[in-house]
C-alpha atoms as a PDB file:
ATOM      1  CA  MET A   1     127.810  69.641 -40.671  1.00  0.00           C
ATOM      2  CA  LEU A   2     124.911  70.960 -38.586  1.00  0.00           C
ATOM      3  CA  MET A   3     126.328  72.945 -35.678  1.00  0.00           C
ATOM      4  CA  VAL A   4     124.886  72.157 -32.253  1.00  0.00           C
ATOM      5  CA  ASP A   5     125.932  73.125 -28.757  1.00  0.00           C
ATOM      6  CA  GLN A   6     129.171  71.272 -28.025  1.00  0.00           C
ATOM      7  CA  ARG A   7     128.167  70.304 -24.511  1.00  0.00           C
ATOM      8  CA  PHE A   8     124.805  69.040 -25.757  1.00  0.00           C
ATOM      9  CA  TYR A   9     126.503  66.859 -28.351  1.00  0.00           C
ATOM     10  CA  PHE A  10     128.986  65.508 -25.821  1.00  0.00           C
ATOM     11  CA  GLU A  11     126.126  64.406 -23.549  1.00  0.00           C
ATOM     12  CA  PHE A  12     124.249  63.012 -26.566  1.00  0.00           C
ATOM     13  CA  GLU A  13     127.248  60.858 -27.485  1.00  0.00           C
ATOM     14  CA  GLN A  14     127.656  59.748 -23.897  1.00  0.00           C
ATOM     15  CA  ARG A  15     124.132  58.350 -23.917  1.00  0.00           C
ATOM     16  CA  PHE A  16     123.875  56.846 -27.388  1.00  0.00           C
ATOM     17  CA  ARG A  17     127.422  56.094 -28.572  1.00  0.00           C
ATOM     18  CA  GLY A  18     128.326  53.692 -25.776  1.00  0.00           C
ATOM     19  CA  SER A  19     130.971  53.737 -23.058  1.00  0.00           C
ATOM     20  CA  ARG A  20     134.666  54.128 -23.844  1.00  0.00           C
ATOM     21  CA  GLU A  21     135.154  50.505 -22.797  1.00  0.00           C
ATOM     22  CA  ASP A  22     132.421  49.266 -25.166  1.00  0.00           C
ATOM     23  CA  ILE A  23     133.806  51.266 -28.077  1.00  0.00           C
ATOM     24  CA  GLY A  24     137.302  50.019 -27.320  1.00  0.00           C
ATOM     25  CA  LYS A  25     136.095  46.419 -27.573  1.00  0.00           C
ATOM     26  CA  ARG A  26     134.430  47.084 -30.917  1.00  0.00           C
ATOM     27  CA  LEU A  27     137.572  48.696 -32.298  1.00  0.00           C
ATOM     28  CA  GLY A  28     139.470  45.543 -31.412  1.00  0.00           C
ATOM     29  CA  GLY A  29     137.990  44.055 -34.575  1.00  0.00           C
ATOM     30  CA  TYR A  30     140.625  45.915 -36.566  1.00  0.00           C
ATOM     31  CA  SER A  31     143.514  44.235 -34.743  1.00  0.00           C
ATOM     32  CA  SER A  32     144.351  41.847 -37.599  1.00  0.00           C
ATOM     33  CA  LEU A  33     144.611  44.757 -39.990  1.00  0.00           C
ATOM     34  CA  LEU A  34     146.890  46.674 -37.628  1.00  0.00           C
ATOM     35  CA  GLU A  35     149.026  43.597 -37.060  1.00  0.00           C
ATOM     36  CA  THR A  36     149.549  43.252 -40.801  1.00  0.00           C
ATOM     37  CA  LEU A  37     150.831  46.813 -41.016  1.00  0.00           C
ATOM     38  CA  GLU A  38     153.030  46.412 -37.949  1.00  0.00           C
ATOM     39  CA  LYS A  39     154.660  43.191 -39.174  1.00  0.00           C
ATOM     40  CA  SER A  40     155.450  44.759 -42.548  1.00  0.00           C
ATOM     41  CA  GLY A  41     157.910  47.207 -40.992  1.00  0.00           C
ATOM     42  CA  ILE A  42     156.106  50.287 -42.265  1.00  0.00           C
ATOM     43  CA  GLN A  43     156.360  53.331 -39.989  1.00  0.00           C
ATOM     44  CA  THR A  44     153.533  53.157 -37.461  1.00  0.00           C
ATOM     45  CA  ASN A  45     152.161  56.690 -37.341  1.00  0.00           C
ATOM     46  CA  ALA A  46     148.547  57.728 -37.808  1.00  0.00           C
ATOM     47  CA  VAL A  47     146.047  60.578 -37.715  1.00  0.00           C
ATOM     48  CA  ASP A  48     142.505  60.049 -36.434  1.00  0.00           C
ATOM     49  CA  TYR A  49     139.868  62.620 -37.426  1.00  0.00           C
ATOM     50  CA  GLY A  50     136.798  63.073 -35.269  1.00  0.00           C
ATOM     51  CA  CYS A  51     138.735  61.342 -32.514  1.00  0.00           C
ATOM     52  CA  GLY A  52     136.209  62.237 -29.794  1.00  0.00           C
ATOM     53  CA  ARG A  53     137.002  60.624 -26.451  1.00  0.00           C
ATOM     54  CA  GLY A  54     140.087  58.932 -27.892  1.00  0.00           C
ATOM     55  CA  GLU A  55     139.163  55.225 -27.874  1.00  0.00           C
ATOM     56  CA  TRP A  56     141.046  54.538 -31.122  1.00  0.00           C
ATOM     57  CA  LEU A  57     144.040  56.637 -30.046  1.00  0.00           C
ATOM     58  CA  ARG A  58     144.228  54.670 -26.808  1.00  0.00           C
ATOM     59  CA  LEU A  59     144.255  51.385 -28.727  1.00  0.00           C
ATOM     60  CA  LEU A  60     146.992  52.607 -31.084  1.00  0.00           C
ATOM     61  CA  LEU A  61     149.103  53.934 -28.222  1.00  0.00           C
ATOM     62  CA  ARG A  62     148.977  50.564 -26.486  1.00  0.00           C
ATOM     63  CA  ARG A  63     150.221  48.958 -29.692  1.00  0.00           C
ATOM     64  CA  GLY A  64     153.145  51.374 -29.938  1.00  0.00           C
ATOM     65  CA  TRP A  65     151.806  53.705 -32.632  1.00  0.00           C
ATOM     66  CA  ASP A  66     152.582  57.409 -32.827  1.00  0.00           C
ATOM     67  CA  ALA A  67     149.077  58.794 -33.288  1.00  0.00           C
ATOM     68  CA  ILE A  68     147.381  62.166 -33.034  1.00  0.00           C
ATOM     69  CA  GLY A  69     143.660  62.877 -32.860  1.00  0.00           C
ATOM     70  CA  VAL A  70     141.852  65.872 -34.326  1.00  0.00           C
ATOM     71  CA  ASP A  71     138.350  66.979 -33.316  1.00  0.00           C
ATOM     72  CA  SER A  72     136.422  70.232 -33.552  1.00  0.00           C
ATOM     73  CA  ASN A  73     134.539  69.641 -30.272  1.00  0.00           C
ATOM     74  CA  ALA A  74     136.611  70.759 -27.279  1.00  0.00           C
ATOM     75  CA  ASP A  75     134.201  69.153 -24.807  1.00  0.00           C
ATOM     76  CA  MET A  76     134.345  65.818 -26.602  1.00  0.00           C
ATOM     77  CA  VAL A  77     138.129  65.478 -26.392  1.00  0.00           C
ATOM     78  CA  LYS A  78     138.507  66.289 -22.688  1.00  0.00           C
ATOM     79  CA  PRO A  79     138.597  62.603 -21.598  1.00  0.00           C
ATOM     80  CA  ALA A  80     141.361  61.958 -24.150  1.00  0.00           C
ATOM     81  CA  GLU A  81     143.334  65.010 -23.073  1.00  0.00           C
ATOM     82  CA  GLU A  82     143.030  64.021 -19.422  1.00  0.00           C
ATOM     83  CA  GLU A  83     144.472  60.625 -20.360  1.00  0.00           C
ATOM     84  CA  GLY A  84     147.469  62.302 -21.946  1.00  0.00           C
ATOM     85  CA  LEU A  85     146.652  61.394 -25.539  1.00  0.00           C
ATOM     86  CA  LYS A  86     147.894  63.650 -28.349  1.00  0.00           C
ATOM     87  CA  ILE A  87     144.962  65.858 -29.335  1.00  0.00           C
ATOM     88  CA  GLU A  88     144.469  68.892 -31.530  1.00  0.00           C
ATOM     89  CA  VAL A  89     141.191  70.819 -31.442  1.00  0.00           C
ATOM     90  CA  GLY A  90     140.470  72.105 -34.916  1.00  0.00           C
ATOM     91  CA  ASP A  91     139.110  71.494 -38.392  1.00  0.00           C
ATOM     92  CA  ALA A  92     139.896  68.179 -40.083  1.00  0.00           C
ATOM     93  CA  ILE A  93     140.373  69.623 -43.571  1.00  0.00           C
ATOM     94  CA  ALA A  94     142.645  72.414 -42.395  1.00  0.00           C
ATOM     95  CA  HIS A  95     144.746  69.906 -40.451  1.00  0.00           C
ATOM     96  CA  ILE A  96     145.145  67.321 -43.191  1.00  0.00           C
ATOM     97  CA  GLN A  97     146.045  70.010 -45.729  1.00  0.00           C
ATOM     98  CA  SER A  98     148.923  71.018 -43.440  1.00  0.00           C
ATOM     99  CA  LEU A  99     150.492  67.545 -43.524  1.00  0.00           C
ATOM    100  CA  PRO A 100     153.319  66.652 -45.949  1.00  0.00           C
ATOM    101  CA  SER A 101     152.662  64.156 -48.727  1.00  0.00           C
ATOM    102  CA  ASN A 102     153.447  60.493 -47.992  1.00  0.00           C
ATOM    103  CA  SER A 103     153.933  61.278 -44.312  1.00  0.00           C
ATOM    104  CA  VAL A 104     151.625  58.886 -42.426  1.00  0.00           C
ATOM    105  CA  SER A 105     150.786  55.208 -42.674  1.00  0.00           C
ATOM    106  CA  MET A 106     147.150  55.449 -41.650  1.00  0.00           C
ATOM    107  CA  VAL A 107     144.355  58.033 -41.730  1.00  0.00           C
ATOM    108  CA  THR A 108     141.198  57.110 -39.847  1.00  0.00           C
ATOM    109  CA  GLY A 109     137.831  58.500 -38.911  1.00  0.00           C
ATOM    110  CA  PHE A 110     135.171  56.670 -36.936  1.00  0.00           C
ATOM    111  CA  HIS A 111     131.678  58.024 -37.488  1.00  0.00           C
ATOM    112  CA  ILE A 112     132.763  61.292 -39.019  1.00  0.00           C
ATOM    113  CA  VAL A 113     132.125  60.953 -42.783  1.00  0.00           C
ATOM    114  CA  GLU A 114     128.323  60.841 -42.384  1.00  0.00           C
ATOM    115  CA  HIS A 115     128.560  64.320 -40.855  1.00  0.00           C
ATOM    116  CA  LEU A 116     130.239  65.841 -43.924  1.00  0.00           C
ATOM    117  CA  PRO A 117     128.741  67.431 -47.052  1.00  0.00           C
ATOM    118  CA  ALA A 118     129.675  65.595 -50.249  1.00  0.00           C
ATOM    119  CA  GLN A 119     132.370  68.043 -51.360  1.00  0.00           C
ATOM    120  CA  VAL A 120     134.017  68.094 -47.931  1.00  0.00           C
ATOM    121  CA  LEU A 121     133.988  64.287 -47.798  1.00  0.00           C
ATOM    122  CA  LEU A 122     135.638  64.111 -51.201  1.00  0.00           C
ATOM    123  CA  LYS A 123     138.269  66.608 -50.053  1.00  0.00           C
ATOM    124  CA  LEU A 124     139.018  64.589 -46.913  1.00  0.00           C
ATOM    125  CA  VAL A 125     139.465  61.332 -48.835  1.00  0.00           C
ATOM    126  CA  SER A 126     141.545  62.898 -51.629  1.00  0.00           C
ATOM    127  CA  GLU A 127     143.805  64.628 -49.093  1.00  0.00           C
ATOM    128  CA  SER A 128     144.098  61.320 -47.239  1.00  0.00           C
ATOM    129  CA  PHE A 129     145.414  59.752 -50.434  1.00  0.00           C
ATOM    130  CA  ARG A 130     148.018  62.491 -50.705  1.00  0.00           C
ATOM    131  CA  VAL A 131     149.332  62.197 -47.142  1.00  0.00           C
ATOM    132  CA  VAL A 132     149.297  58.373 -46.861  1.00  0.00           C
ATOM    133  CA  ARG A 133     152.582  56.725 -47.830  1.00  0.00           C
ATOM    134  CA  PRO A 134     152.615  53.743 -50.237  1.00  0.00           C
ATOM    135  CA  GLY A 135     151.306  50.658 -48.490  1.00  0.00           C
ATOM    136  CA  GLY A 136     149.378  52.805 -46.021  1.00  0.00           C
ATOM    137  CA  ILE A 137     145.641  52.714 -45.552  1.00  0.00           C
ATOM    138  CA  ILE A 138     142.584  54.708 -44.627  1.00  0.00           C
ATOM    139  CA  ILE A 139     139.750  53.475 -42.395  1.00  0.00           C
ATOM    140  CA  PHE A 140     136.461  55.365 -42.309  1.00  0.00           C
ATOM    141  CA  GLU A 141     133.709  53.719 -40.276  1.00  0.00           C
ATOM    142  CA  THR A 142     130.095  54.864 -40.675  1.00  0.00           C
ATOM    143  CA  PRO A 143     126.507  53.687 -40.030  1.00  0.00           C
ATOM    144  CA  ASN A 144     125.456  51.058 -42.543  1.00  0.00           C
ATOM    145  CA  PRO A 145     122.272  51.970 -44.471  1.00  0.00           C
ATOM    146  CA  GLU A 146     122.179  48.404 -45.818  1.00  0.00           C
ATOM    147  CA  ASN A 147     121.105  47.430 -42.302  1.00  0.00           C
ATOM    148  CA  PHE A 148     117.298  47.662 -42.277  1.00  0.00           C
ATOM    149  CA  LEU A 149     116.994  49.250 -38.829  1.00  0.00           C
ATOM    150  CA  VAL A 150     119.863  51.684 -39.362  1.00  0.00           C
ATOM    151  CA  GLY A 151     118.768  52.810 -42.801  1.00  0.00           C
ATOM    152  CA  SER A 152     115.132  53.305 -41.813  1.00  0.00           C
ATOM    153  CA  ASN A 153     115.486  54.717 -38.300  1.00  0.00           C
ATOM    154  CA  ARG A 154     118.641  54.686 -36.224  1.00  0.00           C
ATOM    155  CA  PHE A 155     120.726  56.815 -38.573  1.00  0.00           C
ATOM    156  CA  TYR A 156     118.371  59.751 -38.043  1.00  0.00           C
ATOM    157  CA  LEU A 157     118.725  59.730 -34.270  1.00  0.00           C
ATOM    158  CA  ASP A 158     121.792  61.977 -34.603  1.00  0.00           C
ATOM    159  CA  PRO A 159     120.701  65.459 -35.738  1.00  0.00           C
ATOM    160  CA  THR A 160     124.166  66.234 -37.141  1.00  0.00           C
ATOM    161  CA  HIS A 161     124.116  63.387 -39.683  1.00  0.00           C
ATOM    162  CA  VAL A 162     123.911  64.695 -43.261  1.00  0.00           C
ATOM    163  CA  HIS A 163     122.669  61.570 -45.051  1.00  0.00           C
ATOM    164  CA  PRO A 164     123.422  57.825 -45.152  1.00  0.00           C
ATOM    165  CA  LEU A 165     126.384  56.698 -47.256  1.00  0.00           C
ATOM    166  CA  PRO A 166     125.873  53.394 -49.110  1.00  0.00           C
ATOM    167  CA  PRO A 167     129.018  51.225 -49.169  1.00  0.00           C
ATOM    168  CA  TYR A 168     129.342  51.304 -52.955  1.00  0.00           C
ATOM    169  CA  TYR A 169     129.402  55.106 -52.823  1.00  0.00           C
ATOM    170  CA  LEU A 170     132.286  55.305 -50.359  1.00  0.00           C
ATOM    171  CA  GLU A 171     134.226  52.713 -52.345  1.00  0.00           C
ATOM    172  CA  PHE A 172     133.797  54.879 -55.437  1.00  0.00           C
ATOM    173  CA  VAL A 173     134.917  58.018 -53.564  1.00  0.00           C
ATOM    174  CA  ALA A 174     138.118  56.235 -52.503  1.00  0.00           C
ATOM    175  CA  GLU A 175     138.839  54.906 -55.994  1.00  0.00           C
ATOM    176  CA  PHE A 176     138.109  58.291 -57.563  1.00  0.00           C
ATOM    177  CA  SER A 177     140.539  59.868 -55.099  1.00  0.00           C
ATOM    178  CA  GLY A 178     143.339  57.593 -56.281  1.00  0.00           C
ATOM    179  CA  PHE A 179     143.280  54.556 -53.996  1.00  0.00           C
ATOM    180  CA  ASP A 180     144.056  51.417 -55.976  1.00  0.00           C
ATOM    181  CA  GLU A 181     142.223  49.065 -53.653  1.00  0.00           C
ATOM    182  CA  ALA A 182     139.074  49.914 -51.707  1.00  0.00           C
ATOM    183  CA  VAL A 183     136.768  47.552 -49.869  1.00  0.00           C
ATOM    184  CA  CYS A 184     133.932  47.886 -47.371  1.00  0.00           C
ATOM    185  CA  ILE A 185     133.464  45.418 -44.522  1.00  0.00           C
ATOM    186  CA  GLY A 186     130.566  45.066 -42.110  1.00  0.00           C
ATOM    187  CA  VAL A 187     131.443  45.631 -38.446  1.00  0.00           C
ATOM    188  CA  ASN A 188     129.948  45.742 -34.954  1.00  0.00           C
ATOM    189  CA  ALA A 189     127.333  43.042 -35.560  1.00  0.00           C
ATOM    190  CA  PRO A 190     125.465  42.078 -32.363  1.00  0.00           C
ATOM    191  CA  PRO A 191     124.928  38.420 -31.400  1.00  0.00           C
ATOM    192  CA  LEU A 192     121.646  37.156 -32.875  1.00  0.00           C
ATOM    193  CA  ARG A 193     118.958  35.577 -30.678  1.00  0.00           C
ATOM    194  CA  TYR A 194     118.450  32.711 -33.127  1.00  0.00           C
ATOM    195  CA  SER A 195     121.052  30.948 -35.221  1.00  0.00           C
ATOM    196  CA  THR A 196     118.862  28.788 -37.464  1.00  0.00           C
ATOM    197  CA  GLY A 197     115.630  28.949 -39.398  1.00  0.00           C
ATOM    198  CA  VAL A 198     113.613  31.815 -40.817  1.00  0.00           C
ATOM    199  CA  ALA A 199     113.880  33.810 -37.572  1.00  0.00           C
ATOM    200  CA  ALA A 200     117.673  33.798 -37.840  1.00  0.00           C
ATOM    201  CA  ALA A 201     117.491  34.817 -41.498  1.00  0.00           C
ATOM    202  CA  PHE A 202     115.222  37.747 -40.689  1.00  0.00           C
ATOM    203  CA  LEU A 203     117.385  38.885 -37.752  1.00  0.00           C
ATOM    204  CA  GLU A 204     120.446  38.719 -39.964  1.00  0.00           C
ATOM    205  CA  PHE A 205     118.725  40.924 -42.521  1.00  0.00           C
ATOM    206  CA  ALA A 206     117.485  43.409 -39.890  1.00  0.00           C
ATOM    207  CA  GLU A 207     120.467  43.603 -37.541  1.00  0.00           C
ATOM    208  CA  ARG A 208     123.602  42.396 -39.336  1.00  0.00           C
ATOM    209  CA  SER A 209     126.478  44.902 -39.561  1.00  0.00           C
ATOM    210  CA  PRO A 210     124.919  48.104 -38.192  1.00  0.00           C
ATOM    211  CA  ASP A 211     128.158  49.826 -39.203  1.00  0.00           C
ATOM    212  CA  TYR A 212     130.648  49.324 -41.994  1.00  0.00           C
ATOM    213  CA  ALA A 213     134.177  50.475 -42.645  1.00  0.00           C
ATOM    214  CA  LEU A 214     135.698  51.730 -45.856  1.00  0.00           C
ATOM    215  CA  ILE A 215     139.286  50.470 -45.967  1.00  0.00           C
ATOM    216  CA  ALA A 216     141.469  51.592 -48.858  1.00  0.00           C
ATOM    217  CA  GLN A 217     145.158  51.231 -49.629  1.00  0.00           C
ATOM    218  CA  LYS A 218     147.639  53.348 -51.536  1.00  0.00           C
ATOM    219  CA  THR A 219     149.724  50.851 -53.456  1.00  0.00           C
ATOM    220  CA  SER A 220     153.031  50.957 -55.307  1.00  0.00           C
ATOM    221  CA  PRO A 221     155.195  48.261 -56.944  1.00  0.00           C
ATOM    222  CA  ASP A 222     157.851  48.477 -54.215  1.00  0.00           C
ATOM    223  CA  MET A 223     155.619  48.774 -51.129  1.00  0.00           C
ATOM    224  CA  ILE A 224     156.492  46.483 -48.216  1.00  0.00           C
ATOM    225  CA  VAL A 225     152.908  45.904 -47.015  1.00  0.00           C
ATOM    226  CA  ASP A 226     150.743  43.015 -48.226  1.00  0.00           C
ATOM    227  CA  ARG A 227     148.009  44.038 -50.634  1.00  0.00           C
ATOM    228  CA  LEU A 228     144.722  44.940 -48.996  1.00  0.00           C
ATOM    229  CA  SER A 229     142.764  42.375 -51.010  1.00  0.00           C
ATOM    230  CA  ASN A 230     144.902  39.562 -49.580  1.00  0.00           C
ATOM    231  CA  VAL A 231     144.458  40.841 -46.027  1.00  0.00           C
ATOM    232  CA  MET A 232     140.676  41.132 -46.393  1.00  0.00           C
ATOM    233  CA  LEU A 233     140.406  37.636 -47.836  1.00  0.00           C
ATOM    234  CA  LYS A 234     142.474  36.215 -44.984  1.00  0.00           C
ATOM    235  CA  TYR A 235     140.950  37.980 -41.998  1.00  0.00           C
ATOM    236  CA  TYR A 236     137.528  39.320 -43.030  1.00  0.00           C
ATOM    237  CA  PRO A 237     136.105  36.892 -45.624  1.00  0.00           C
ATOM    238  CA  GLU A 238     132.543  36.877 -44.243  1.00  0.00           C
ATOM    239  CA  ASN A 239     132.232  40.561 -43.293  1.00  0.00           C
ATOM    240  CA  THR A 240     130.000  41.742 -46.102  1.00  0.00           C
ATOM    241  CA  PRO A 241     128.200  45.016 -45.368  1.00  0.00           C
ATOM    242  CA  PHE A 242     125.523  44.307 -47.956  1.00  0.00           C
ATOM    243  CA  ALA A 243     121.981  43.243 -47.120  1.00  0.00           C
ATOM    244  CA  HIS A 244     121.141  41.253 -50.233  1.00  0.00           C
ATOM    245  CA  PRO A 245     122.784  37.942 -49.174  1.00  0.00           C
ATOM    246  CA  ALA A 246     120.819  37.947 -45.897  1.00  0.00           C
ATOM    247  CA  LEU A 247     117.665  39.079 -47.706  1.00  0.00           C
ATOM    248  CA  ASP A 248     118.090  36.264 -50.228  1.00  0.00           C
ATOM    249  CA  ARG A 249     118.444  33.749 -47.404  1.00  0.00           C
ATOM    250  CA  PHE A 250     115.316  35.121 -45.746  1.00  0.00           C
ATOM    251  CA  ILE A 251     113.326  34.921 -49.002  1.00  0.00           C
ATOM    252  CA  ASP A 252     114.600  31.400 -49.691  1.00  0.00           C
ATOM    253  CA  GLY A 253     113.689  30.357 -46.144  1.00  0.00           C
ATOM    254  CA  MET A 254     110.176  31.757 -46.466  1.00  0.00           C
ATOM    255  CA  HIS A 255     109.725  30.048 -49.830  1.00  0.00           C
ATOM    256  CA  ALA A 256     110.936  26.725 -48.440  1.00  0.00           C
ATOM    257  CA  MET A 257     108.568  27.038 -45.473  1.00  0.00           C
ATOM    258  CA  GLU A 258     105.659  27.871 -47.783  1.00  0.00           C
ATOM    259  CA  SER A 259     106.488  24.867 -49.952  1.00  0.00           C
ATOM    260  CA  ARG A 260     106.571  22.586 -46.905  1.00  0.00           C
ATOM    261  CA  PHE A 261     103.239  23.979 -45.712  1.00  0.00           C
ATOM    262  CA  ASN A 262     101.624  23.396 -49.106  1.00  0.00           C
ATOM    263  CA  SER A 263     102.986  19.862 -49.210  1.00  0.00           C
ATOM    264  CA  MET A 264     101.626  19.124 -45.733  1.00  0.00           C
ATOM    265  CA  ASN A 265      98.252  20.583 -46.684  1.00  0.00           C
ATOM    266  CA  GLU A 266      98.088  18.331 -49.742  1.00  0.00           C
ATOM    267  CA  GLU A 267      98.897  15.305 -47.576  1.00  0.00           C
ATOM    268  CA  LEU A 268      96.166  16.268 -45.080  1.00  0.00           C
ATOM    269  CA  GLN A 269      93.619  16.709 -47.855  1.00  0.00           C
ATOM    270  CA  SER A 270      94.554  13.291 -49.214  1.00  0.00           C
ATOM    271  CA  LEU A 271      94.114  11.813 -45.739  1.00  0.00           C
ATOM    272  CA  ARG A 272      90.715  13.451 -45.397  1.00  0.00           C
ATOM    273  CA  HIS A 273      89.531  11.937 -48.674  1.00  0.00           C
ATOM    274  CA  ARG A 274      90.707   8.499 -47.581  1.00  0.00           C
ATOM    275  CA  LEU A 275      88.887   8.830 -44.259  1.00  0.00           C
ATOM    276  CA  ASP A 276      85.750  10.011 -46.040  1.00  0.00           C
ATOM    277  CA  ASP A 277      85.909   6.926 -48.227  1.00  0.00           C
ATOM    278  CA  LEU A 278      86.342   4.768 -45.142  1.00  0.00           C
ATOM    279  CA  ILE A 279      83.374   6.393 -43.380  1.00  0.00           C
ATOM    280  CA  ASN A 280      81.183   6.109 -46.463  1.00  0.00           C
ATOM    281  CA  SER A 281      81.998   2.420 -46.777  1.00  0.00           C
ATOM    282  CA  LYS A 282      80.416   1.865 -43.369  1.00  0.00           C
ATOM    283  CA  GLU A 283      77.061   3.070 -44.703  1.00  0.00           C
ATOM    284  CA  ASP A 284      76.586  -0.319 -46.352  1.00  0.00           C
ATOM    285  CA  GLN A 285      77.095  -2.234 -43.087  1.00  0.00           C
ATOM    286  CA  PRO A 286      74.345  -3.426 -40.682  1.00  0.00           C
ATOM    287  CA  VAL A 287      72.609  -0.871 -38.435  1.00  0.00           C
ATOM    288  CA  GLU A 288      74.331  -2.203 -35.334  1.00  0.00           C
ATOM    289  CA  THR A 289      77.784  -1.666 -36.897  1.00  0.00           C
ATOM    290  CA  LYS A 290      76.884   1.828 -38.100  1.00  0.00           C
ATOM    291  CA  SER A 291      75.726   2.744 -34.598  1.00  0.00           C
ATOM    292  CA  LYS A 292      79.003   1.663 -33.113  1.00  0.00           C
ATOM    293  CA  TRP A 293      80.855   3.660 -35.749  1.00  0.00           C
ATOM    294  CA  SER A 294      78.703   6.740 -35.161  1.00  0.00           C
ATOM    295  CA  MET A 295      79.210   6.455 -31.413  1.00  0.00           C
ATOM    296  CA  PHE A 296      82.813   7.492 -31.814  1.00  0.00           C
ATOM    297  CA  GLY A 297      81.739  10.637 -33.708  1.00  0.00           C
ATOM    298  CA  LEU A 298      84.608  10.178 -36.135  1.00  0.00           C
ATOM    299  CA  ARG A 299      82.897  11.844 -39.085  1.00  0.00           C
ATOM    300  CA  GLU A 300      82.029  14.930 -37.041  1.00  0.00           C
ATOM    301  CA  LYS A 301      85.578  15.210 -35.722  1.00  0.00           C
ATOM    302  CA  ILE A 302      87.068  14.989 -39.198  1.00  0.00           C
ATOM    303  CA  GLU A 303      84.661  17.507 -40.672  1.00  0.00           C
ATOM    304  CA  LYS A 304      85.317  19.941 -37.815  1.00  0.00           C
ATOM    305  CA  LYS A 305      89.072  19.501 -38.182  1.00  0.00           C
ATOM    306  CA  PHE A 306      89.127  20.273 -41.906  1.00  0.00           C
ATOM    307  CA  LYS A 307      86.518  23.026 -42.190  1.00  0.00           C
END
């Protein structure tokens, strides 16, 4: 991770990350997943890496979880510490390596994995598999390079980002690390200005799911938690992080519009030929009739219209 002045990065996040209230609302999208864990009876304890100002810790605390946050930026965690949240300033890898195996039900990190070199990321996910108990999960949220605007521009606003992480890559990292089930869901989608037509299809392609979350579960035959695949199908069936469905809809919409335009053009050309035939038929009529016809200037109007 590129090291920058801690105070600088705190102010940078304050401007571009969003307020604590806004982030808290976005994180509410994981409520169904948390509820599934809570209803199962599994122990509700968690570790959040890159916890920052503590928005996720605050949400967990309100739900009755025993959660601790770890962050290397002492300035960033001050709001969380002032709120009384459990915080440790330090290195994520060193902390997770100190935890016993099968000791927590959830390991999370919101916008941390894109800051890590490949080998460090692999270490974090593999250690997460070790410390998560059967039935437990990991959640790692990151900018979505499948989103056109994120992948081409917005990701590079943060100078500490290493490189974008395509969803298929993070799924593979989780599976390689031992997680039996791994899925990526699109999150934090803004409301679109248009809901129908080609404009809506293009906006969906350009702005849908600016972030995505890798969610993976450590399974065992006797675990008490529902399988992750069932939970995703029930609560997040439409949350694909991938751009190709929206891109396909945009292409199909453009093709349909082009087809309609060509069909209308053919109909107009047919109408022009019919009018030409009608105008030409007047040439055989008496002079007085032709003058009346010419007075309306119909031929000139048609020719001007279809030039």
